[in-house]
Amino acid sequence: MTQDDDEAGVFRALADPTRRQILEHLRDGELPAGQIASRFAISTPSISRHLRVLKEAGLLTERRDGNRIIYALVEDRLAIGVGRFLSAVCPEQIVLRHTKWRHATESDET
């Protein structure tokens, strides 16, 4: 798989609003599949398909805990996939954000 294919998988996964909402729910930590499904007004099999797409894109990890499947966000994967695209499309903005972050960090240290 090429880097372009890899990046395309991330954007395909992010294209659906339900999948983006799942990622937002996982922002604060891991959740069991049933708890994720309970937050949506669509069927559990539909949520399972969305979770599978996100996992195949490398945006989620899963682990078993007894008979439950626990999902967690892979933050680095999301940041790298989207960041690489943003760097190519608007590199000046990446530099500006990095500079603002660095200045904010430096002022926190003083």
N, C-alpha and C. Protein backbone atom coordinates (compact mmCIF):
# COMPACT_ATOMS: atom_id res chain seq x y z
N MET A 1 0.85 -1.18 0.00
CA MET A 1 0.00 0.00 0.00
C MET A 1 0.90 1.24 0.00
N THR A 2 0.59 2.18 -0.86
CA THR A 2 1.38 3.40 -0.94
C THR A 2 0.89 4.42 0.08
N GLN A 3 1.68 5.44 0.29
CA GLN A 3 1.31 6.52 1.20
C GLN A 3 0.02 7.18 0.73
N ASP A 4 -0.14 7.35 -0.60
CA ASP A 4 -1.37 7.95 -1.13
C ASP A 4 -2.58 7.08 -0.83
N ASP A 5 -2.44 5.75 -0.98
CA ASP A 5 -3.54 4.85 -0.67
C ASP A 5 -3.89 4.91 0.81
N ASP A 6 -2.85 4.95 1.62
CA ASP A 6 -3.01 5.02 3.06
C ASP A 6 -3.76 6.29 3.46
N GLU A 7 -3.34 7.42 2.90
CA GLU A 7 -3.99 8.70 3.17
C GLU A 7 -5.43 8.71 2.65
N ALA A 8 -5.65 8.11 1.48
CA ALA A 8 -6.99 8.05 0.91
C ALA A 8 -7.93 7.27 1.83
N GLY A 9 -7.42 6.21 2.47
CA GLY A 9 -8.24 5.44 3.39
C GLY A 9 -8.70 6.27 4.58
N VAL A 10 -7.82 7.12 5.07
CA VAL A 10 -8.18 8.01 6.18
C VAL A 10 -9.30 8.95 5.74
N PHE A 11 -9.15 9.54 4.57
CA PHE A 11 -10.17 10.50 4.11
C PHE A 11 -11.48 9.81 3.75
N ARG A 12 -11.42 8.59 3.24
CA ARG A 12 -12.67 7.84 2.99
C ARG A 12 -13.38 7.59 4.32
N ALA A 13 -12.62 7.24 5.33
CA ALA A 13 -13.22 6.99 6.64
C ALA A 13 -13.82 8.26 7.23
N LEU A 14 -13.16 9.39 7.02
CA LEU A 14 -13.64 10.66 7.57
C LEU A 14 -14.79 11.26 6.77
N ALA A 15 -15.07 10.72 5.60
CA ALA A 15 -16.10 11.29 4.73
C ALA A 15 -17.51 11.15 5.30
N ASP A 16 -17.71 10.20 6.16
CA ASP A 16 -19.06 9.95 6.69
C ASP A 16 -19.25 10.65 8.04
N PRO A 17 -20.34 11.41 8.19
CA PRO A 17 -20.56 12.13 9.45
C PRO A 17 -20.72 11.22 10.67
N THR A 18 -21.28 10.04 10.50
CA THR A 18 -21.41 9.11 11.62
C THR A 18 -20.03 8.68 12.11
N ARG A 19 -19.13 8.40 11.18
CA ARG A 19 -17.77 7.99 11.58
C ARG A 19 -17.03 9.13 12.26
N ARG A 20 -17.22 10.35 11.77
CA ARG A 20 -16.59 11.49 12.45
C ARG A 20 -17.13 11.64 13.87
N GLN A 21 -18.44 11.41 14.03
CA GLN A 21 -19.05 11.50 15.36
C GLN A 21 -18.51 10.41 16.28
N ILE A 22 -18.31 9.22 15.76
CA ILE A 22 -17.71 8.14 16.55
C ILE A 22 -16.34 8.56 17.05
N LEU A 23 -15.54 9.15 16.17
CA LEU A 23 -14.21 9.61 16.58
C LEU A 23 -14.31 10.66 17.68
N GLU A 24 -15.28 11.55 17.57
CA GLU A 24 -15.47 12.56 18.62
C GLU A 24 -15.84 11.92 19.95
N HIS A 25 -16.68 10.89 19.92
CA HIS A 25 -17.06 10.21 21.16
C HIS A 25 -15.85 9.53 21.81
N LEU A 26 -14.90 9.10 21.00
CA LEU A 26 -13.71 8.43 21.52
C LEU A 26 -12.60 9.40 21.93
N ARG A 27 -12.83 10.66 21.72
CA ARG A 27 -11.83 11.69 22.03
C ARG A 27 -11.38 11.63 23.49
N ASP A 28 -12.30 11.34 24.40
CA ASP A 28 -11.98 11.35 25.83
C ASP A 28 -11.53 10.00 26.37
N GLY A 29 -11.45 9.00 25.50
CA GLY A 29 -10.99 7.69 25.95
C GLY A 29 -11.75 6.56 25.29
N GLU A 30 -11.31 5.37 25.59
CA GLU A 30 -11.89 4.19 24.95
C GLU A 30 -13.31 3.93 25.43
N LEU A 31 -14.08 3.27 24.54
CA LEU A 31 -15.48 2.94 24.84
C LEU A 31 -15.79 1.55 24.28
N PRO A 32 -16.68 0.81 24.95
CA PRO A 32 -17.14 -0.46 24.40
C PRO A 32 -18.07 -0.21 23.21
N ALA A 33 -18.10 -1.19 22.30
CA ALA A 33 -18.92 -1.06 21.10
C ALA A 33 -20.38 -0.79 21.43
N GLY A 34 -20.92 -1.46 22.44
CA GLY A 34 -22.32 -1.26 22.80
C GLY A 34 -22.61 0.16 23.26
N GLN A 35 -21.69 0.74 23.97
CA GLN A 35 -21.89 2.12 24.43
C GLN A 35 -21.81 3.09 23.25
N ILE A 36 -20.93 2.81 22.31
CA ILE A 36 -20.86 3.65 21.10
C ILE A 36 -22.18 3.55 20.35
N ALA A 37 -22.65 2.34 20.15
CA ALA A 37 -23.90 2.12 19.41
C ALA A 37 -25.08 2.79 20.08
N SER A 38 -25.10 2.83 21.41
CA SER A 38 -26.24 3.40 22.13
C SER A 38 -26.35 4.91 21.93
N ARG A 39 -25.32 5.53 21.43
CA ARG A 39 -25.32 6.98 21.21
C ARG A 39 -25.89 7.39 19.85
N PHE A 40 -26.28 6.41 19.05
CA PHE A 40 -26.76 6.69 17.70
C PHE A 40 -28.14 6.08 17.49
N ALA A 41 -28.90 6.71 16.61
CA ALA A 41 -30.26 6.24 16.30
C ALA A 41 -30.26 5.34 15.07
N ILE A 42 -29.16 4.62 14.85
CA ILE A 42 -29.09 3.67 13.74
C ILE A 42 -28.79 2.29 14.32
N SER A 43 -28.94 1.27 13.50
CA SER A 43 -28.81 -0.10 13.98
C SER A 43 -27.38 -0.43 14.44
N THR A 44 -27.29 -1.39 15.33
CA THR A 44 -25.99 -1.85 15.81
C THR A 44 -25.14 -2.41 14.67
N PRO A 45 -25.71 -3.19 13.73
CA PRO A 45 -24.89 -3.64 12.60
C PRO A 45 -24.32 -2.49 11.77
N SER A 46 -25.06 -1.41 11.63
CA SER A 46 -24.56 -0.24 10.90
C SER A 46 -23.38 0.39 11.65
N ILE A 47 -23.50 0.50 12.95
CA ILE A 47 -22.39 1.04 13.75
C ILE A 47 -21.18 0.11 13.63
N SER A 48 -21.41 -1.19 13.64
CA SER A 48 -20.31 -2.14 13.48
C SER A 48 -19.58 -1.94 12.16
N ARG A 49 -20.32 -1.69 11.10
CA ARG A 49 -19.69 -1.42 9.79
C ARG A 49 -18.86 -0.14 9.85
N HIS A 50 -19.39 0.89 10.49
CA HIS A 50 -18.63 2.15 10.62
C HIS A 50 -17.36 1.93 11.43
N LEU A 51 -17.46 1.17 12.51
CA LEU A 51 -16.28 0.87 13.32
C LEU A 51 -15.24 0.09 12.52
N ARG A 52 -15.69 -0.84 11.70
CA ARG A 52 -14.78 -1.62 10.86
C ARG A 52 -14.04 -0.72 9.88
N VAL A 53 -14.75 0.22 9.23
CA VAL A 53 -14.12 1.15 8.29
C VAL A 53 -13.05 1.99 9.01
N LEU A 54 -13.39 2.48 10.18
CA LEU A 54 -12.44 3.29 10.94
C LEU A 54 -11.22 2.47 11.37
N LYS A 55 -11.46 1.23 11.75
CA LYS A 55 -10.35 0.35 12.15
C LYS A 55 -9.46 0.03 10.95
N GLU A 56 -10.07 -0.28 9.80
CA GLU A 56 -9.29 -0.58 8.60
C GLU A 56 -8.47 0.61 8.13
N ALA A 57 -8.95 1.83 8.40
CA ALA A 57 -8.21 3.04 8.06
C ALA A 57 -7.10 3.33 9.07
N GLY A 58 -7.05 2.53 10.13
CA GLY A 58 -6.03 2.72 11.16
C GLY A 58 -6.35 3.81 12.16
N LEU A 59 -7.60 4.26 12.18
CA LEU A 59 -8.00 5.35 13.07
C LEU A 59 -8.47 4.86 14.44
N LEU A 60 -8.74 3.56 14.55
CA LEU A 60 -9.18 2.96 15.81
C LEU A 60 -8.39 1.70 16.09
N THR A 61 -8.25 1.39 17.36
CA THR A 61 -7.78 0.07 17.77
C THR A 61 -8.92 -0.59 18.52
N GLU A 62 -8.87 -1.90 18.59
CA GLU A 62 -9.86 -2.62 19.37
C GLU A 62 -9.15 -3.65 20.23
N ARG A 63 -9.78 -3.92 21.37
CA ARG A 63 -9.28 -4.98 22.24
C ARG A 63 -10.48 -5.66 22.87
N ARG A 64 -10.30 -6.90 23.21
CA ARG A 64 -11.38 -7.66 23.86
C ARG A 64 -11.24 -7.57 25.37
N ASP A 65 -12.39 -7.42 26.01
CA ASP A 65 -12.46 -7.44 27.46
C ASP A 65 -13.64 -8.35 27.80
N GLY A 66 -13.36 -9.62 28.00
CA GLY A 66 -14.44 -10.59 28.17
C GLY A 66 -15.20 -10.73 26.85
N ASN A 67 -16.49 -10.48 26.90
CA ASN A 67 -17.30 -10.57 25.67
C ASN A 67 -17.53 -9.21 25.02
N ARG A 68 -16.84 -8.19 25.53
CA ARG A 68 -16.99 -6.84 24.97
C ARG A 68 -15.79 -6.51 24.08
N ILE A 69 -16.05 -5.67 23.08
CA ILE A 69 -14.97 -5.12 22.26
C ILE A 69 -14.85 -3.65 22.63
N ILE A 70 -13.64 -3.25 23.01
CA ILE A 70 -13.38 -1.88 23.44
C ILE A 70 -12.60 -1.18 22.33
N TYR A 71 -13.08 0.00 21.94
CA TYR A 71 -12.43 0.77 20.87
C TYR A 71 -11.74 2.00 21.44
N ALA A 72 -10.62 2.35 20.79
CA ALA A 72 -9.87 3.54 21.19
C ALA A 72 -9.40 4.27 19.93
N LEU A 73 -9.34 5.57 20.02
CA LEU A 73 -8.88 6.44 18.94
C LEU A 73 -7.36 6.34 18.81
N VAL A 74 -6.87 6.29 17.57
CA VAL A 74 -5.44 6.34 17.30
C VAL A 74 -5.15 7.78 16.86
N GLU A 75 -4.91 8.65 17.84
CA GLU A 75 -4.78 10.08 17.58
C GLU A 75 -3.64 10.40 16.62
N ASP A 76 -2.51 9.74 16.80
CA ASP A 76 -1.36 10.01 15.93
C ASP A 76 -1.69 9.72 14.47
N ARG A 77 -2.39 8.64 14.23
CA ARG A 77 -2.74 8.25 12.86
C ARG A 77 -3.62 9.32 12.21
N LEU A 78 -4.58 9.82 12.96
CA LEU A 78 -5.46 10.86 12.45
C LEU A 78 -4.67 12.14 12.19
N ALA A 79 -3.85 12.53 13.14
CA ALA A 79 -3.07 13.77 13.00
C ALA A 79 -2.10 13.68 11.83
N ILE A 80 -1.43 12.55 11.68
CA ILE A 80 -0.46 12.40 10.59
C ILE A 80 -1.16 12.37 9.24
N GLY A 81 -2.25 11.62 9.14
CA GLY A 81 -2.97 11.52 7.87
C GLY A 81 -3.51 12.85 7.39
N VAL A 82 -4.14 13.58 8.28
CA VAL A 82 -4.70 14.87 7.91
C VAL A 82 -3.60 15.92 7.81
N GLY A 83 -2.64 15.87 8.73
CA GLY A 83 -1.55 16.85 8.73
C GLY A 83 -0.72 16.81 7.46
N ARG A 84 -0.46 15.61 6.96
CA ARG A 84 0.32 15.47 5.72
C ARG A 84 -0.40 16.17 4.56
N PHE A 85 -1.70 15.99 4.48
CA PHE A 85 -2.49 16.64 3.44
C PHE A 85 -2.46 18.16 3.61
N LEU A 86 -2.67 18.62 4.83
CA LEU A 86 -2.67 20.07 5.08
C LEU A 86 -1.31 20.68 4.77
N SER A 87 -0.25 19.97 5.08
CA SER A 87 1.10 20.47 4.79
C SER A 87 1.30 20.65 3.29
N ALA A 88 0.73 19.76 2.51
CA ALA A 88 0.88 19.84 1.06
C ALA A 88 0.02 20.95 0.47
N VAL A 89 -1.17 21.13 1.02
CA VAL A 89 -2.13 22.09 0.45
C VAL A 89 -1.88 23.51 0.92
N CYS A 90 -1.59 23.68 2.20
CA CYS A 90 -1.39 25.03 2.73
C CYS A 90 -0.22 25.03 3.70
N PRO A 91 0.99 24.87 3.19
CA PRO A 91 2.17 24.78 4.07
C PRO A 91 2.40 26.01 4.93
N GLU A 92 2.01 27.19 4.46
CA GLU A 92 2.21 28.40 5.25
C GLU A 92 1.42 28.32 6.55
N GLN A 93 0.23 27.76 6.51
CA GLN A 93 -0.61 27.66 7.69
C GLN A 93 0.00 26.71 8.71
N ILE A 94 0.63 25.65 8.25
CA ILE A 94 1.28 24.72 9.15
C ILE A 94 2.40 25.44 9.90
N VAL A 95 3.18 26.21 9.19
CA VAL A 95 4.27 26.96 9.82
C VAL A 95 3.71 27.95 10.83
N LEU A 96 2.63 28.65 10.47
CA LEU A 96 2.02 29.62 11.38
C LEU A 96 1.51 28.94 12.65
N ARG A 97 0.82 27.81 12.50
CA ARG A 97 0.31 27.10 13.67
C ARG A 97 1.45 26.63 14.56
N HIS A 98 2.50 26.11 13.95
CA HIS A 98 3.65 25.63 14.72
C HIS A 98 4.30 26.80 15.47
N THR A 99 4.44 27.92 14.81
CA THR A 99 5.05 29.10 15.42
C THR A 99 4.19 29.60 16.58
N LYS A 100 2.87 29.68 16.39
CA LYS A 100 1.98 30.13 17.46
C LYS A 100 2.05 29.17 18.64
N TRP A 101 2.08 27.86 18.38
CA TRP A 101 2.15 26.88 19.44
C TRP A 101 3.47 27.02 20.19
N ARG A 102 4.56 27.20 19.46
CA ARG A 102 5.87 27.31 20.09
C ARG A 102 5.92 28.56 20.98
N HIS A 103 5.38 29.69 20.48
CA HIS A 103 5.37 30.92 21.28
C HIS A 103 4.50 30.76 22.53
N ALA A 104 3.38 30.08 22.39
CA ALA A 104 2.51 29.85 23.55
C ALA A 104 3.20 28.98 24.58
N THR A 105 3.92 27.96 24.12
CA THR A 105 4.65 27.08 25.03
C THR A 105 5.77 27.82 25.72
N GLU A 106 6.49 28.66 24.98
CA GLU A 106 7.58 29.43 25.57
C GLU A 106 7.07 30.40 26.63
N SER A 107 5.92 31.04 26.36
CA SER A 107 5.38 31.98 27.34
C SER A 107 4.87 31.25 28.58
N ASP A 108 4.42 29.98 28.43
CA ASP A 108 3.99 29.20 29.59
C ASP A 108 5.17 28.84 30.49
N GLU A 109 6.35 28.71 29.88
CA GLU A 109 7.54 28.32 30.64
C GLU A 109 8.12 29.47 31.44
N THR A 110 7.79 30.69 31.08
CA THR A 110 8.35 31.84 31.79
C THR A 110 7.49 32.30 32.92
